[in-house]
Amino acid sequence: MSRKTPTFNLLIDRYRPQLERLATGAQGMQKVVPQARAMLLISHGLTWKQVAQATGLSVCRVEHFRRRFVCLGPPGLIDAEPLKRTVPRRGAREDQRQRAA
C-alpha cells in the first residue's frame, strides 16, 4: 500500500529536481539511484510492492528509505555506514588481568 503523507508530498515537491538528477545517476552516485527512483515512483501513486519490483529493492527497504527521506530529505537516501564493531578475541579479559598484575 502506498502511504503518502502531507510531509512526504511537500518534500517531493521541494526536492523533485534533485531526486530526478539522483535517479538518473547524473551526480555520479550510482548507489542512490534505486532509492531516488523509489521516492519518485511513490509520489506517482505506486504501491510499495510495485515500487520494490520496479527498483529491485525489498518492500522493507522501500519503507525504510521513505521514512529516512521524510526525516532527512535527500541525504536520507544514502544508507548509513554500518557500525564497525570489533569482537574481543577469546581470553582477552584474562590477558588484560595478567598484564595488570
Protein backbone atom coordinates (compact mmCIF):
# COMPACT_ATOMS: atom_id res chain seq x y z
CA MET A 1 0.00 0.00 0.00
CA SER A 2 1.32 3.43 -0.86
CA ARG A 3 1.20 5.75 2.10
CA LYS A 4 1.70 9.33 1.10
CA THR A 5 1.66 11.88 3.86
CA PRO A 6 1.42 15.66 3.53
CA THR A 7 5.03 15.87 4.72
CA PHE A 8 6.14 13.42 2.03
CA ASN A 9 4.26 15.32 -0.67
CA LEU A 10 5.81 18.63 0.40
CA LEU A 11 9.29 17.12 0.41
CA ILE A 12 8.78 15.52 -3.01
CA ASP A 13 7.67 18.86 -4.46
CA ARG A 14 10.61 20.64 -2.87
CA TYR A 15 13.29 18.12 -3.87
CA ARG A 16 11.89 16.75 -7.16
CA PRO A 17 14.63 18.24 -9.41
CA GLN A 18 17.34 16.88 -7.13
CA LEU A 19 15.64 13.46 -6.94
CA GLU A 20 15.34 13.32 -10.73
CA ARG A 21 19.08 14.03 -11.07
CA LEU A 22 19.86 11.35 -8.49
CA ALA A 23 17.51 8.86 -10.19
CA THR A 24 19.36 9.19 -13.49
CA GLY A 25 22.77 8.82 -11.87
CA ALA A 26 23.79 12.23 -13.23
CA GLN A 27 25.54 13.22 -10.00
CA GLY A 28 27.82 10.17 -10.02
CA MET A 29 26.11 8.49 -7.08
CA GLN A 30 25.02 5.18 -8.60
CA LYS A 31 24.41 3.76 -5.13
CA VAL A 32 21.48 6.16 -4.58
CA VAL A 33 19.70 5.62 -7.92
CA PRO A 34 17.21 2.93 -6.73
CA GLN A 35 16.30 4.91 -3.62
CA ALA A 36 15.70 8.13 -5.57
CA ARG A 37 13.64 6.25 -8.18
CA ALA A 38 11.62 4.69 -5.36
CA MET A 39 10.71 8.11 -3.93
CA LEU A 40 9.64 9.36 -7.35
CA LEU A 41 7.55 6.24 -8.01
CA ILE A 42 5.84 6.55 -4.61
CA SER A 43 4.99 10.16 -5.48
CA HIS A 44 3.24 8.88 -8.64
CA GLY A 45 0.97 6.69 -6.51
CA LEU A 46 2.55 3.26 -6.93
CA THR A 47 2.29 0.83 -4.02
CA TRP A 48 5.39 -0.18 -2.09
CA LYS A 49 5.23 -3.62 -3.69
CA GLN A 50 5.14 -2.12 -7.19
CA VAL A 51 7.98 0.24 -6.31
CA ALA A 52 10.02 -2.65 -4.90
CA GLN A 53 9.57 -4.66 -8.10
CA ALA A 54 10.49 -1.68 -10.29
CA THR A 55 13.62 -0.73 -8.35
CA GLY A 56 14.93 -4.09 -7.16
CA LEU A 57 14.63 -3.07 -3.52
CA SER A 58 12.66 -5.06 -0.98
CA VAL A 59 9.38 -3.68 0.34
CA CYS A 60 11.05 -3.21 3.74
CA ARG A 61 13.87 -1.17 2.17
CA VAL A 62 11.38 0.99 0.24
CA GLU A 63 9.59 1.77 3.50
CA HIS A 64 12.92 2.32 5.28
CA PHE A 65 14.13 4.84 2.71
CA ARG A 66 10.74 6.61 2.59
CA ARG A 67 10.94 7.16 6.36
CA ARG A 68 14.54 8.35 6.10
CA PHE A 69 13.59 10.70 3.24
CA VAL A 70 10.78 12.22 5.32
CA CYS A 71 13.15 12.73 8.26
CA LEU A 72 16.35 13.78 6.46
CA GLY A 73 15.45 14.74 2.89
CA PRO A 74 17.70 13.56 0.03
CA PRO A 75 20.69 12.86 2.32
CA GLY A 76 18.49 10.22 3.99
CA LEU A 77 18.60 8.17 0.79
CA ILE A 78 22.25 7.40 1.39
CA ASP A 79 22.25 4.44 3.69
CA ALA A 80 24.21 4.95 6.90
CA GLU A 81 27.50 3.11 7.14
CA PRO A 82 27.26 0.01 9.28
CA LEU A 83 28.76 0.26 12.72
CA LYS A 84 32.20 -1.26 12.92
CA ARG A 85 32.40 -3.38 16.00
CA THR A 86 35.35 -5.44 16.95
CA VAL A 87 34.71 -8.70 18.67
CA PRO A 88 37.16 -9.27 21.50
CA ARG A 89 39.16 -12.39 20.98
CA ARG A 90 38.65 -15.28 23.27
CA GLY A 91 40.51 -14.92 26.54
CA ALA A 92 41.18 -11.19 26.07
CA ARG A 93 40.00 -10.34 29.59
CA GLU A 94 42.31 -12.92 31.11
CA ASP A 95 45.24 -11.43 29.16
CA GLN A 96 44.34 -7.94 30.42
CA ARG A 97 44.18 -9.16 34.02
CA GLN A 98 47.58 -10.82 33.72
CA ARG A 99 49.14 -7.65 32.29
CA ALA A 100 47.63 -5.51 35.05
CA ALA A 101 49.06 -7.75 37.79
